[in-house]
Amino acid sequence: MNSFQQNETQHYYSGYSSPISTAPPASTSYDTQICPICLANPKDMAFGCGHQTCCACGEDLQLCPICRSSIQTRIRLY
């Protein structure tokens, strides 16, 4: 690539900047193990859809709080 092409390429791409991320930092592994309902207890129950909560929050639910599918199966996680 000659210097003219290189300058043109740099000029072309100079108008583009990296998007500024406004998203929160990625979750830590600790955050992904906490119940999404109470935000206090560890996830120790899974539903047939694959989503998880703590037993205290999940035992009386009729619908999954994440995807709203009907809960047919509850599996205790250890």
C-alpha atoms as a PDB file:
ATOM      1  CA  MET A   1       0.000   0.000   0.000  1.00  0.00           C
ATOM      2  CA  ASN A   2       1.487   3.363  -0.967  1.00  0.00           C
ATOM      3  CA  SER A   3       1.504   6.372   1.350  1.00  0.00           C
ATOM      4  CA  PHE A   4      -1.485   7.976  -0.418  1.00  0.00           C
ATOM      5  CA  GLN A   5      -3.616   4.855   0.082  1.00  0.00           C
ATOM      6  CA  GLN A   6      -2.442   4.572   3.660  1.00  0.00           C
ATOM      7  CA  ASN A   7      -3.382   8.202   4.386  1.00  0.00           C
ATOM      8  CA  GLU A   8      -6.773   7.755   2.717  1.00  0.00           C
ATOM      9  CA  THR A   9      -7.417   4.601   4.731  1.00  0.00           C
ATOM     10  CA  GLN A  10      -6.460   6.324   7.984  1.00  0.00           C
ATOM     11  CA  HIS A  11      -8.641   9.308   7.089  1.00  0.00           C
ATOM     12  CA  TYR A  12     -11.568   7.023   6.246  1.00  0.00           C
ATOM     13  CA  TYR A  13     -11.393   5.165   9.549  1.00  0.00           C
ATOM     14  CA  SER A  14     -10.595   8.224  11.680  1.00  0.00           C
ATOM     15  CA  GLY A  15     -14.273   9.173  11.711  1.00  0.00           C
ATOM     16  CA  TYR A  16     -15.134   5.966  13.499  1.00  0.00           C
ATOM     17  CA  SER A  17     -14.565   5.639  17.186  1.00  0.00           C
ATOM     18  CA  SER A  18     -15.049   2.698  19.435  1.00  0.00           C
ATOM     19  CA  PRO A  19     -18.495   2.657  21.007  1.00  0.00           C
ATOM     20  CA  ILE A  20     -18.501   3.624  24.653  1.00  0.00           C
ATOM     21  CA  SER A  21     -19.868   0.827  26.743  1.00  0.00           C
ATOM     22  CA  THR A  22     -22.584   1.862  29.169  1.00  0.00           C
ATOM     23  CA  ALA A  23     -23.214  -1.677  30.317  1.00  0.00           C
ATOM     24  CA  PRO A  24     -22.269  -2.612  33.858  1.00  0.00           C
ATOM     25  CA  PRO A  25     -19.156  -4.712  34.334  1.00  0.00           C
ATOM     26  CA  ALA A  26     -19.517  -8.413  33.675  1.00  0.00           C
ATOM     27  CA  SER A  27     -20.976 -10.359  36.562  1.00  0.00           C
ATOM     28  CA  THR A  28     -18.610 -12.090  38.864  1.00  0.00           C
ATOM     29  CA  SER A  29     -19.054 -15.777  39.513  1.00  0.00           C
ATOM     30  CA  TYR A  30     -20.460 -14.854  42.948  1.00  0.00           C
ATOM     31  CA  ASP A  31     -23.234 -12.784  41.332  1.00  0.00           C
ATOM     32  CA  THR A  32     -24.262 -15.615  39.041  1.00  0.00           C
ATOM     33  CA  GLN A  33     -24.766 -17.956  42.006  1.00  0.00           C
ATOM     34  CA  ILE A  34     -27.216 -15.688  43.878  1.00  0.00           C
ATOM     35  CA  CYS A  35     -30.998 -16.065  43.626  1.00  0.00           C
ATOM     36  CA  PRO A  36     -32.418 -13.533  41.119  1.00  0.00           C
ATOM     37  CA  ILE A  37     -35.519 -13.015  43.277  1.00  0.00           C
ATOM     38  CA  CYS A  38     -34.254 -12.329  46.815  1.00  0.00           C
ATOM     39  CA  LEU A  39     -30.666 -11.455  45.827  1.00  0.00           C
ATOM     40  CA  ALA A  40     -29.500 -12.964  49.119  1.00  0.00           C
ATOM     41  CA  ASN A  41     -29.554 -16.761  49.061  1.00  0.00           C
ATOM     42  CA  PRO A  42     -27.524 -19.031  46.787  1.00  0.00           C
ATOM     43  CA  LYS A  43     -29.308 -20.736  43.892  1.00  0.00           C
ATOM     44  CA  ASP A  44     -30.153 -24.251  45.057  1.00  0.00           C
ATOM     45  CA  MET A  45     -33.238 -25.096  42.987  1.00  0.00           C
ATOM     46  CA  ALA A  46     -33.544 -25.557  39.226  1.00  0.00           C
ATOM     47  CA  PHE A  47     -36.716 -25.735  37.163  1.00  0.00           C
ATOM     48  CA  GLY A  48     -37.439 -27.797  34.066  1.00  0.00           C
ATOM     49  CA  CYS A  49     -36.684 -24.764  31.890  1.00  0.00           C
ATOM     50  CA  GLY A  50     -33.171 -24.642  33.353  1.00  0.00           C
ATOM     51  CA  HIS A  51     -33.488 -21.419  35.317  1.00  0.00           C
ATOM     52  CA  GLN A  52     -32.573 -21.365  38.994  1.00  0.00           C
ATOM     53  CA  THR A  53     -33.593 -19.715  42.270  1.00  0.00           C
ATOM     54  CA  CYS A  54     -33.109 -20.472  45.939  1.00  0.00           C
ATOM     55  CA  CYS A  55     -35.470 -23.040  47.485  1.00  0.00           C
ATOM     56  CA  ALA A  56     -37.148 -20.448  49.692  1.00  0.00           C
ATOM     57  CA  CYS A  57     -38.175 -18.348  46.689  1.00  0.00           C
ATOM     58  CA  GLY A  58     -38.813 -21.178  44.234  1.00  0.00           C
ATOM     59  CA  GLU A  59     -40.906 -23.605  46.251  1.00  0.00           C
ATOM     60  CA  ASP A  60     -44.252 -21.833  45.764  1.00  0.00           C
ATOM     61  CA  LEU A  61     -43.780 -20.411  42.265  1.00  0.00           C
ATOM     62  CA  GLN A  62     -46.130 -21.516  39.494  1.00  0.00           C
ATOM     63  CA  LEU A  63     -44.255 -19.712  36.692  1.00  0.00           C
ATOM     64  CA  CYS A  64     -40.521 -19.325  36.169  1.00  0.00           C
ATOM     65  CA  PRO A  65     -39.559 -15.771  37.192  1.00  0.00           C
ATOM     66  CA  ILE A  66     -37.100 -15.562  34.295  1.00  0.00           C
ATOM     67  CA  CYS A  67     -38.918 -16.980  31.246  1.00  0.00           C
ATOM     68  CA  ARG A  68     -42.486 -17.243  32.645  1.00  0.00           C
ATOM     69  CA  SER A  69     -42.882 -20.862  31.558  1.00  0.00           C
ATOM     70  CA  SER A  70     -45.023 -23.112  33.725  1.00  0.00           C
ATOM     71  CA  ILE A  71     -42.950 -24.919  36.353  1.00  0.00           C
ATOM     72  CA  GLN A  72     -43.483 -28.658  36.025  1.00  0.00           C
ATOM     73  CA  THR A  73     -40.248 -29.870  37.598  1.00  0.00           C
ATOM     74  CA  ARG A  74     -38.201 -28.657  40.551  1.00  0.00           C
ATOM     75  CA  ILE A  75     -34.734 -30.074  41.138  1.00  0.00           C
ATOM     76  CA  ARG A  76     -32.836 -29.479  44.373  1.00  0.00           C
ATOM     77  CA  LEU A  77     -29.216 -28.491  43.689  1.00  0.00           C
ATOM     78  CA  TYR A  78     -26.441 -29.375  46.115  1.00  0.00           C
END
